PDB file of N, CA and C in Angstrom:
ATOM      1  N   MET A   1       0.839  -1.154   0.000  1.00  0.00           N
ATOM      2  CA  MET A   1       0.000   0.000   0.000  1.00  0.00           C
ATOM      3  C   MET A   1       0.900   1.238   0.000  1.00  0.00           C
ATOM      4  N   ARG A   2       0.681   2.158  -0.850  1.00  0.00           N
ATOM      5  CA  ARG A   2       1.499   3.361  -0.946  1.00  0.00           C
ATOM      6  C   ARG A   2       0.970   4.437  -0.009  1.00  0.00           C
ATOM      7  N   ALA A   3       1.907   5.080   0.668  1.00  0.00           N
ATOM      8  CA  ALA A   3       1.550   6.191   1.532  1.00  0.00           C
ATOM      9  C   ALA A   3       1.934   7.489   0.844  1.00  0.00           C
ATOM     10  N   ARG A   4       1.038   8.457   0.869  1.00  0.00           N
ATOM     11  CA  ARG A   4       1.319   9.731   0.210  1.00  0.00           C
ATOM     12  C   ARG A   4       2.109  10.631   1.137  1.00  0.00           C
ATOM     13  N   THR A   5       2.988  11.403   0.555  1.00  0.00           N
ATOM     14  CA  THR A   5       3.729  12.412   1.294  1.00  0.00           C
ATOM     15  C   THR A   5       3.421  13.768   0.694  1.00  0.00           C
ATOM     16  N   LYS A   6       3.860  14.824   1.386  1.00  0.00           N
ATOM     17  CA  LYS A   6       3.564  16.171   0.898  1.00  0.00           C
ATOM     18  C   LYS A   6       4.294  16.464  -0.410  1.00  0.00           C
ATOM     19  N   SER A   7       5.554  16.072  -0.468  1.00  0.00           N
ATOM     20  CA  SER A   7       6.329  16.459  -1.649  1.00  0.00           C
ATOM     21  C   SER A   7       6.092  15.538  -2.840  1.00  0.00           C
ATOM     22  N   GLY A   8       5.725  14.335  -2.596  1.00  0.00           N
ATOM     23  CA  GLY A   8       5.518  13.409  -3.695  1.00  0.00           C
ATOM     24  C   GLY A   8       6.810  12.781  -4.201  1.00  0.00           C
ATOM     25  N   VAL A   9       7.945  13.257  -3.726  1.00  0.00           N
ATOM     26  CA  VAL A   9       9.230  12.716  -4.160  1.00  0.00           C
ATOM     27  C   VAL A   9       9.558  11.445  -3.402  1.00  0.00           C
ATOM     28  N   PHE A  10       9.314  11.500  -2.099  1.00  0.00           N
ATOM     29  CA  PHE A  10       9.617  10.340  -1.275  1.00  0.00           C
ATOM     30  C   PHE A  10       8.375   9.482  -1.141  1.00  0.00           C
ATOM     31  N   VAL A  11       8.486   8.277  -1.534  1.00  0.00           N
ATOM     32  CA  VAL A  11       7.369   7.349  -1.468  1.00  0.00           C
ATOM     33  C   VAL A  11       7.743   6.255  -0.486  1.00  0.00           C
ATOM     34  N   ARG A  12       6.870   6.021   0.438  1.00  0.00           N
ATOM     35  CA  ARG A  12       7.104   4.955   1.410  1.00  0.00           C
ATOM     36  C   ARG A  12       6.042   3.880   1.225  1.00  0.00           C
ATOM     37  N   TYR A  13       6.414   2.703   1.560  1.00  0.00           N
ATOM     38  CA  TYR A  13       5.480   1.593   1.518  1.00  0.00           C
ATOM     39  C   TYR A  13       5.217   1.129   2.946  1.00  0.00           C
ATOM     40  N   LYS A  14       3.950   0.993   3.289  1.00  0.00           N
ATOM     41  CA  LYS A  14       3.580   0.461   4.593  1.00  0.00           C
ATOM     42  C   LYS A  14       3.320  -1.026   4.433  1.00  0.00           C
ATOM     43  N   ARG A  15       3.824  -1.765   5.388  1.00  0.00           N
ATOM     44  CA  ARG A  15       3.628  -3.209   5.345  1.00  0.00           C
ATOM     45  C   ARG A  15       2.574  -3.610   6.372  1.00  0.00           C
ATOM     46  N   PHE A  16       1.646  -4.389   5.952  1.00  0.00           N
ATOM     47  CA  PHE A  16       0.625  -4.934   6.819  1.00  0.00           C
ATOM     48  C   PHE A  16       0.579  -6.433   6.601  1.00  0.00           C
ATOM     49  N   SER A  17       0.360  -7.139   7.677  1.00  0.00           N
ATOM     50  CA  SER A  17       0.187  -8.574   7.506  1.00  0.00           C
ATOM     51  C   SER A  17      -1.248  -8.845   7.055  1.00  0.00           C
ATOM     52  N   LEU A  18      -1.469 -10.025   6.571  1.00  0.00           N
ATOM     53  CA  LEU A  18      -2.789 -10.401   6.090  1.00  0.00           C
ATOM     54  C   LEU A  18      -3.815 -10.360   7.214  1.00  0.00           C
ATOM     55  N   LEU A  19      -3.422 -10.776   8.422  1.00  0.00           N
ATOM     56  CA  LEU A  19      -4.361 -10.785   9.538  1.00  0.00           C
ATOM     57  C   LEU A  19      -4.741  -9.367   9.961  1.00  0.00           C
ATOM     58  N   GLN A  20      -3.806  -8.426   9.850  1.00  0.00           N
ATOM     59  CA  GLN A  20      -4.122  -7.049  10.208  1.00  0.00           C
ATOM     60  C   GLN A  20      -5.058  -6.414   9.181  1.00  0.00           C
ATOM     61  N   THR A  21      -4.850  -6.716   7.930  1.00  0.00           N
ATOM     62  CA  THR A  21      -5.711  -6.115   6.909  1.00  0.00           C
ATOM     63  C   THR A  21      -7.116  -6.688   6.957  1.00  0.00           C
ATOM     64  N   LEU A  22      -7.255  -7.925   7.393  1.00  0.00           N
ATOM     65  CA  LEU A  22      -8.579  -8.523   7.511  1.00  0.00           C
ATOM     66  C   LEU A  22      -9.283  -8.125   8.799  1.00  0.00           C
ATOM     67  N   GLY A  23      -8.574  -7.434   9.681  1.00  0.00           N
ATOM     68  CA  GLY A  23      -9.183  -6.978  10.918  1.00  0.00           C
ATOM     69  C   GLY A  23      -9.203  -8.010  12.014  1.00  0.00           C
ATOM     70  N   MET A  24      -8.412  -9.044  11.889  1.00  0.00           N
ATOM     71  CA  MET A  24      -8.396 -10.086  12.909  1.00  0.00           C
ATOM     72  C   MET A  24      -7.518  -9.721  14.095  1.00  0.00           C
ATOM     73  N   LEU A  25      -6.446  -8.999  13.858  1.00  0.00           N
ATOM     74  CA  LEU A  25      -5.548  -8.601  14.929  1.00  0.00           C
ATOM     75  C   LEU A  25      -5.378  -7.091  14.915  1.00  0.00           C
ATOM     76  N   PRO A  26      -5.259  -6.485  16.082  1.00  0.00           N
ATOM     77  CA  PRO A  26      -5.005  -5.045  16.103  1.00  0.00           C
ATOM     78  C   PRO A  26      -3.577  -4.744  15.651  1.00  0.00           C
ATOM     79  N   ALA A  27      -3.367  -3.535  15.145  1.00  0.00           N
ATOM     80  CA  ALA A  27      -2.045  -3.158  14.663  1.00  0.00           C
ATOM     81  C   ALA A  27      -1.044  -3.075  15.810  1.00  0.00           C
ATOM     82  N   THR A  28      -1.448  -2.572  16.956  1.00  0.00           N
ATOM     83  CA  THR A  28      -0.567  -2.515  18.120  1.00  0.00           C
ATOM     84  C   THR A  28      -1.292  -3.119  19.301  1.00  0.00           C
ATOM     85  N   MET A  29      -0.533  -3.755  20.142  1.00  0.00           N
ATOM     86  CA  MET A  29      -1.106  -4.339  21.339  1.00  0.00           C
ATOM     87  C   MET A  29      -0.449  -3.698  22.548  1.00  0.00           C
ATOM     88  N   GLU A  30      -1.259  -3.238  23.488  1.00  0.00           N
ATOM     89  CA  GLU A  30      -0.749  -2.637  24.701  1.00  0.00           C
ATOM     90  C   GLU A  30      -1.053  -3.576  25.859  1.00  0.00           C
ATOM     91  N   PRO A  31      -0.173  -3.597  26.866  1.00  0.00           N
ATOM     92  CA  PRO A  31      -0.429  -4.479  28.004  1.00  0.00           C
ATOM     93  C   PRO A  31      -1.657  -4.014  28.800  1.00  0.00           C
ATOM     94  N   VAL A  32      -2.318  -4.969  29.365  1.00  0.00           N
ATOM     95  CA  VAL A  32      -3.505  -4.673  30.163  1.00  0.00           C
ATOM     96  C   VAL A  32      -3.039  -4.083  31.490  1.00  0.00           C
ATOM     97  N   ALA A  33      -3.608  -2.956  31.873  1.00  0.00           N
ATOM     98  CA  ALA A  33      -3.204  -2.289  33.106  1.00  0.00           C
ATOM     99  C   ALA A  33      -3.870  -2.967  34.299  1.00  0.00           C
ATOM    100  N   ARG A  34      -3.060  -3.279  35.309  1.00  0.00           N
ATOM    101  CA  ARG A  34      -3.582  -3.839  36.541  1.00  0.00           C
ATOM    102  C   ARG A  34      -3.864  -2.705  37.510  1.00  0.00           C
ATOM    103  N   PRO A  35      -4.878  -2.844  38.320  1.00  0.00           N
ATOM    104  CA  PRO A  35      -5.104  -1.803  39.315  1.00  0.00           C
ATOM    105  C   PRO A  35      -3.955  -1.776  40.307  1.00  0.00           C
ATOM    106  N   SER A  36      -3.517  -0.587  40.640  1.00  0.00           N
ATOM    107  CA  SER A  36      -2.383  -0.470  41.544  1.00  0.00           C
ATOM    108  C   SER A  36      -2.868  -0.406  42.991  1.00  0.00           C
ATOM    109  N   PHE A  37      -1.965  -0.722  43.883  1.00  0.00           N
ATOM    110  CA  PHE A  37      -2.253  -0.696  45.312  1.00  0.00           C
ATOM    111  C   PHE A  37      -1.267   0.247  45.970  1.00  0.00           C
ATOM    112  N   PRO A  38      -1.664   1.495  46.206  1.00  0.00           N
ATOM    113  CA  PRO A  38      -0.758   2.433  46.866  1.00  0.00           C
ATOM    114  C   PRO A  38      -0.806   2.254  48.384  1.00  0.00           C
ATOM    115  N   PRO A  39       0.270   1.774  48.989  1.00  0.00           N
ATOM    116  CA  PRO A  39       0.249   1.506  50.432  1.00  0.00           C
ATOM    117  C   PRO A  39       0.057   2.766  51.279  1.00  0.00           C
ATOM    118  N   ALA A  40       0.620   3.906  50.847  1.00  0.00           N
ATOM    119  CA  ALA A  40       0.468   5.129  51.636  1.00  0.00           C
ATOM    120  C   ALA A  40      -0.995   5.576  51.675  1.00  0.00           C
ATOM    121  N   ALA A  41      -1.690   5.475  50.552  1.00  0.00           N
ATOM    122  CA  ALA A  41      -3.101   5.857  50.519  1.00  0.00           C
ATOM    123  C   ALA A  41      -3.943   4.902  51.357  1.00  0.00           C
ATOM    124  N   ALA A  42      -3.610   3.629  51.320  1.00  0.00           N
ATOM    125  CA  ALA A  42      -4.346   2.658  52.137  1.00  0.00           C
ATOM    126  C   ALA A  42      -4.114   2.927  53.618  1.00  0.00           C
ATOM    127  N   GLY A  43      -2.892   3.300  53.983  1.00  0.00           N
ATOM    128  CA  GLY A  43      -2.604   3.653  55.370  1.00  0.00           C
ATOM    129  C   GLY A  43      -3.356   4.898  55.795  1.00  0.00           C
ATOM    130  N   GLY A  44      -3.487   5.848  54.877  1.00  0.00           N
ATOM    131  CA  GLY A  44      -4.251   7.055  55.183  1.00  0.00           C
ATOM    132  C   GLY A  44      -5.716   6.768  55.419  1.00  0.00           C
ATOM    133  N   VAL A  45      -6.270   5.887  54.612  1.00  0.00           N
ATOM    134  CA  VAL A  45      -7.684   5.502  54.806  1.00  0.00           C
ATOM    135  C   VAL A  45      -7.847   4.800  56.148  1.00  0.00           C
ATOM    136  N   LEU A  46      -6.934   3.892  56.464  1.00  0.00           N
ATOM    137  CA  LEU A  46      -6.998   3.164  57.728  1.00  0.00           C
ATOM    138  C   LEU A  46      -6.877   4.114  58.916  1.00  0.00           C
ATOM    139  N   LEU A  47      -5.916   5.027  58.856  1.00  0.00           N
ATOM    140  CA  LEU A  47      -5.718   5.973  59.951  1.00  0.00           C
ATOM    141  C   LEU A  47      -6.898   6.936  60.086  1.00  0.00           C
ATOM    142  N   GLY A  48      -7.430   7.394  58.979  1.00  0.00           N
ATOM    143  CA  GLY A  48      -8.568   8.308  59.019  1.00  0.00           C
ATOM    144  C   GLY A  48      -9.793   7.688  59.657  1.00  0.00           C
ATOM    145  N   VAL A  49     -10.096   6.459  59.284  1.00  0.00           N
ATOM    146  CA  VAL A  49     -11.265   5.780  59.867  1.00  0.00           C
ATOM    147  C   VAL A  49     -11.025   5.494  61.340  1.00  0.00           C
ATOM    148  N   LEU A  50      -9.800   5.100  61.689  1.00  0.00           N
ATOM    149  CA  LEU A  50      -9.470   4.820  63.089  1.00  0.00           C
ATOM    150  C   LEU A  50      -9.621   6.073  63.956  1.00  0.00           C
ATOM    151  N   LEU A  51      -9.076   7.188  63.499  1.00  0.00           N
ATOM    152  CA  LEU A  51      -9.167   8.419  64.278  1.00  0.00           C
ATOM    153  C   LEU A  51     -10.610   8.919  64.380  1.00  0.00           C
ATOM    154  N   ALA A  52     -11.352   8.830  63.293  1.00  0.00           N
ATOM    155  CA  ALA A  52     -12.747   9.277  63.330  1.00  0.00           C
ATOM    156  C   ALA A  52     -13.564   8.442  64.316  1.00  0.00           C
ATOM    157  N   ALA A  53     -13.367   7.138  64.302  1.00  0.00           N
ATOM    158  CA  ALA A  53     -14.117   6.274  65.218  1.00  0.00           C
ATOM    159  C   ALA A  53     -13.687   6.507  66.662  1.00  0.00           C
ATOM    160  N   THR A  54     -12.409   6.794  66.877  1.00  0.00           N
ATOM    161  CA  THR A  54     -11.932   7.067  68.235  1.00  0.00           C
ATOM    162  C   THR A  54     -12.523   8.366  68.773  1.00  0.00           C
ATOM    163  N   VAL A  55     -12.577   9.385  67.942  1.00  0.00           N
ATOM    164  CA  VAL A  55     -13.170  10.659  68.370  1.00  0.00           C
ATOM    165  C   VAL A  55     -14.661  10.493  68.662  1.00  0.00           C
ATOM    166  N   VAL A  56     -15.361   9.809  67.777  1.00  0.00           N
ATOM    167  CA  VAL A  56     -16.798   9.583  68.002  1.00  0.00           C
ATOM    168  C   VAL A  56     -17.009   8.747  69.262  1.00  0.00           C
ATOM    169  N   GLY A  57     -16.166   7.729  69.465  1.00  0.00           N
ATOM    170  CA  GLY A  57     -16.270   6.924  70.693  1.00  0.00           C
ATOM    171  C   GLY A  57     -15.992   7.736  71.939  1.00  0.00           C
ATOM    172  N   GLY A  58     -15.010   8.650  71.851  1.00  0.00           N
ATOM    173  CA  GLY A  58     -14.731   9.520  72.994  1.00  0.00           C
ATOM    174  C   GLY A  58     -15.882  10.450  73.305  1.00  0.00           C
ATOM    175  N   LEU A  59     -16.518  10.987  72.271  1.00  0.00           N
ATOM    176  CA  LEU A  59     -17.674  11.859  72.488  1.00  0.00           C
ATOM    177  C   LEU A  59     -18.857  11.102  73.098  1.00  0.00           C
ATOM    178  N   ILE A  60     -19.076   9.891  72.620  1.00  0.00           N
ATOM    179  CA  ILE A  60     -20.167   9.080  73.190  1.00  0.00           C
ATOM    180  C   ILE A  60     -19.827   8.699  74.628  1.00  0.00           C
ATOM    181  N   GLY A  61     -18.556   8.373  74.886  1.00  0.00           N
ATOM    182  CA  GLY A  61     -18.130   8.055  76.248  1.00  0.00           C
ATOM    183  C   GLY A  61     -18.238   9.251  77.176  1.00  0.00           C
ATOM    184  N   TRP A  62     -17.938  10.435  76.669  1.00  0.00           N
ATOM    185  CA  TRP A  62     -18.072  11.661  77.472  1.00  0.00           C
ATOM    186  C   TRP A  62     -19.533  11.895  77.847  1.00  0.00           C
ATOM    187  N   ALA A  63     -20.405  11.670  76.870  1.00  0.00           N
ATOM    188  CA  ALA A  63     -21.827  11.850  77.140  1.00  0.00           C
ATOM    189  C   ALA A  63     -22.343  10.791  78.115  1.00  0.00           C
ATOM    190  N   ALA A  64     -21.740   9.595  78.095  1.00  0.00           N
ATOM    191  CA  ALA A  64     -22.188   8.516  78.968  1.00  0.00           C
ATOM    192  C   ALA A  64     -21.506   8.553  80.335  1.00  0.00           C
ATOM    193  N   GLY A  65     -20.413   9.331  80.449  1.00  0.00           N
ATOM    194  CA  GLY A  65     -19.774   9.457  81.760  1.00  0.00           C
ATOM    195  C   GLY A  65     -18.377   8.886  81.852  1.00  0.00           C
ATOM    196  N   SER A  66     -17.859   8.218  80.824  1.00  0.00           N
ATOM    197  CA  SER A  66     -16.515   7.657  80.888  1.00  0.00           C
ATOM    198  C   SER A  66     -15.826   7.835  79.528  1.00  0.00           C
ATOM    199  N   VAL A  67     -14.976   8.863  79.444  1.00  0.00           N
ATOM    200  CA  VAL A  67     -14.296   9.160  78.184  1.00  0.00           C
ATOM    201  C   VAL A  67     -13.319   8.050  77.815  1.00  0.00           C
ATOM    202  N   ALA A  68     -12.606   7.501  78.791  1.00  0.00           N
ATOM    203  CA  ALA A  68     -11.587   6.476  78.519  1.00  0.00           C
ATOM    204  C   ALA A  68     -12.203   5.219  77.905  1.00  0.00           C
ATOM    205  N   VAL A  69     -13.324   4.790  78.444  1.00  0.00           N
ATOM    206  CA  VAL A  69     -13.987   3.598  77.906  1.00  0.00           C
ATOM    207  C   VAL A  69     -14.518   3.892  76.506  1.00  0.00           C
ATOM    208  N   GLY A  70     -15.040   5.079  76.288  1.00  0.00           N
ATOM    209  CA  GLY A  70     -15.530   5.454  74.965  1.00  0.00           C
ATOM    210  C   GLY A  70     -14.419   5.478  73.931  1.00  0.00           C
ATOM    211  N   ILE A  71     -13.243   6.017  74.316  1.00  0.00           N
ATOM    212  CA  ILE A  71     -12.099   6.032  73.393  1.00  0.00           C
ATOM    213  C   ILE A  71     -11.649   4.611  73.085  1.00  0.00           C
ATOM    214  N   LEU A  72     -11.604   3.747  74.107  1.00  0.00           N
ATOM    215  CA  LEU A  72     -11.184   2.351  73.899  1.00  0.00           C
ATOM    216  C   LEU A  72     -12.142   1.612  72.975  1.00  0.00           C
ATOM    217  N   VAL A  73     -13.423   1.759  73.199  1.00  0.00           N
ATOM    218  CA  VAL A  73     -14.411   1.096  72.335  1.00  0.00           C
ATOM    219  C   VAL A  73     -14.361   1.681  70.926  1.00  0.00           C
ATOM    220  N   GLY A  74     -14.211   2.990  70.831  1.00  0.00           N
ATOM    221  CA  GLY A  74     -14.101   3.623  69.520  1.00  0.00           C
ATOM    222  C   GLY A  74     -12.867   3.167  68.749  1.00  0.00           C
ATOM    223  N   ALA A  75     -11.740   2.967  69.455  1.00  0.00           N
ATOM    224  CA  ALA A  75     -10.521   2.498  68.791  1.00  0.00           C
ATOM    225  C   ALA A  75     -10.679   1.069  68.274  1.00  0.00           C
ATOM    226  N   VAL A  76     -11.306   0.223  69.053  1.00  0.00           N
ATOM    227  CA  VAL A  76     -11.515  -1.165  68.606  1.00  0.00           C
ATOM    228  C   VAL A  76     -12.430  -1.189  67.385  1.00  0.00           C
ATOM    229  N   ILE A  77     -13.495  -0.421  67.443  1.00  0.00           N
ATOM    230  CA  ILE A  77     -14.404  -0.353  66.291  1.00  0.00           C
ATOM    231  C   ILE A  77     -13.695   0.302  65.105  1.00  0.00           C
ATOM    232  N   GLY A  78     -12.847   1.288  65.372  1.00  0.00           N
ATOM    233  CA  GLY A  78     -12.109   1.967  64.309  1.00  0.00           C
ATOM    234  C   GLY A  78     -11.122   1.065  63.597  1.00  0.00           C
ATOM    235  N   ILE A  79     -10.470   0.178  64.330  1.00  0.00           N
ATOM    236  CA  ILE A  79      -9.544  -0.769  63.692  1.00  0.00           C
ATOM    237  C   ILE A  79     -10.306  -1.682  62.740  1.00  0.00           C
ATOM    238  N   LEU A  80     -11.396  -2.228  63.217  1.00  0.00           N
ATOM    239  CA  LEU A  80     -12.188  -3.114  62.352  1.00  0.00           C
ATOM    240  C   LEU A  80     -12.793  -2.352  61.175  1.00  0.00           C
ATOM    241  N   GLY A  81     -13.298  -1.155  61.439  1.00  0.00           N
ATOM    242  CA  GLY A  81     -13.865  -0.346  60.361  1.00  0.00           C
ATOM    243  C   GLY A  81     -12.809   0.096  59.360  1.00  0.00           C
ATOM    244  N   GLY A  82     -11.605   0.403  59.840  1.00  0.00           N
ATOM    245  CA  GLY A  82     -10.519   0.789  58.944  1.00  0.00           C
ATOM    246  C   GLY A  82     -10.093  -0.345  58.035  1.00  0.00           C
ATOM    247  N   ILE A  83     -10.005  -1.535  58.590  1.00  0.00           N
ATOM    248  CA  ILE A  83      -9.669  -2.705  57.764  1.00  0.00           C
ATOM    249  C   ILE A  83     -10.749  -2.927  56.709  1.00  0.00           C
ATOM    250  N   GLY A  84     -11.996  -2.793  57.109  1.00  0.00           N
ATOM    251  CA  GLY A  84     -13.097  -2.936  56.150  1.00  0.00           C
ATOM    252  C   GLY A  84     -13.074  -1.866  55.075  1.00  0.00           C
ATOM    253  N   ALA A  85     -12.757  -0.634  55.465  1.00  0.00           N
ATOM    254  CA  ALA A  85     -12.719   0.462  54.492  1.00  0.00           C
ATOM    255  C   ALA A  85     -11.592   0.267  53.488  1.00  0.00           C
ATOM    256  N   VAL A  86     -10.421  -0.189  53.956  1.00  0.00           N
ATOM    257  CA  VAL A  86      -9.302  -0.445  53.044  1.00  0.00           C
ATOM    258  C   VAL A  86      -9.647  -1.592  52.101  1.00  0.00           C
ATOM    259  N   TYR A  87     -10.292  -2.612  52.627  1.00  0.00           N
ATOM    260  CA  TYR A  87     -10.677  -3.730  51.769  1.00  0.00           C
ATOM    261  C   TYR A  87     -11.689  -3.303  50.706  1.00  0.00           C
ATOM    262  N   LEU A  88     -12.659  -2.488  51.086  1.00  0.00           N
ATOM    263  CA  LEU A  88     -13.646  -2.023  50.121  1.00  0.00           C
ATOM    264  C   LEU A  88     -13.017  -1.111  49.075  1.00  0.00           C
ATOM    265  N   ARG A  89     -12.059  -0.273  49.505  1.00  0.00           N
ATOM    266  CA  ARG A  89     -11.448   0.693  48.579  1.00  0.00           C
ATOM    267  C   ARG A  89     -10.429   0.043  47.673  1.00  0.00           C
ATOM    268  N   TYR A  90      -9.578  -0.823  48.204  1.00  0.00           N
ATOM    269  CA  TYR A  90      -8.459  -1.387  47.444  1.00  0.00           C
ATOM    270  C   TYR A  90      -8.522  -2.905  47.348  1.00  0.00           C
ATOM    271  N   GLY A  91      -9.674  -3.494  47.523  1.00  0.00           N
ATOM    272  CA  GLY A  91      -9.793  -4.947  47.563  1.00  0.00           C
ATOM    273  C   GLY A  91      -9.315  -5.648  46.309  1.00  0.00           C
ATOM    274  N   ARG A  92      -9.519  -5.072  45.142  1.00  0.00           N
ATOM    275  CA  ARG A  92      -9.116  -5.723  43.890  1.00  0.00           C
ATOM    276  C   ARG A  92      -7.634  -5.567  43.614  1.00  0.00           C
ATOM    277  N   GLY A  93      -6.992  -4.609  44.255  1.00  0.00           N
ATOM    278  CA  GLY A  93      -5.567  -4.384  44.024  1.00  0.00           C
ATOM    279  C   GLY A  93      -4.659  -5.221  44.895  1.00  0.00           C
ATOM    280  N   LEU A  94      -5.248  -5.960  45.849  1.00  0.00           N
ATOM    281  CA  LEU A  94      -4.426  -6.760  46.765  1.00  0.00           C
ATOM    282  C   LEU A  94      -3.882  -7.989  46.109  1.00  0.00           C
TER     283      LEU A  94
END
C-alpha cells in the first residue's frame, strides 16, 4: 500500500500482515493495566477511619460518663472499620 507524502518525491510503503488487513488482529497491542495498590493511601484511609471512630467513641463516652472507655471502644471499632474500608477501597488491588 502506498503512503502519500507532501512532496511526492519520497514514497514509502507500509507493510501490513494479512491478519491485520482482515481486521483479525489489532495493529498494536498494549499491556492490560492492573489496578495499583498504593500503600500510603491505604494507610491514610486506615488511619482516618481509626481516628474518626476514636473521636466519636470519645464523644459518646463523654456523654455517657466515661471518656476512657468510649475512646477504647471507639478504637476497637475503628480498627475493624478501617480494615473494612481499606478492603472495600483497594480490595481488587491486593
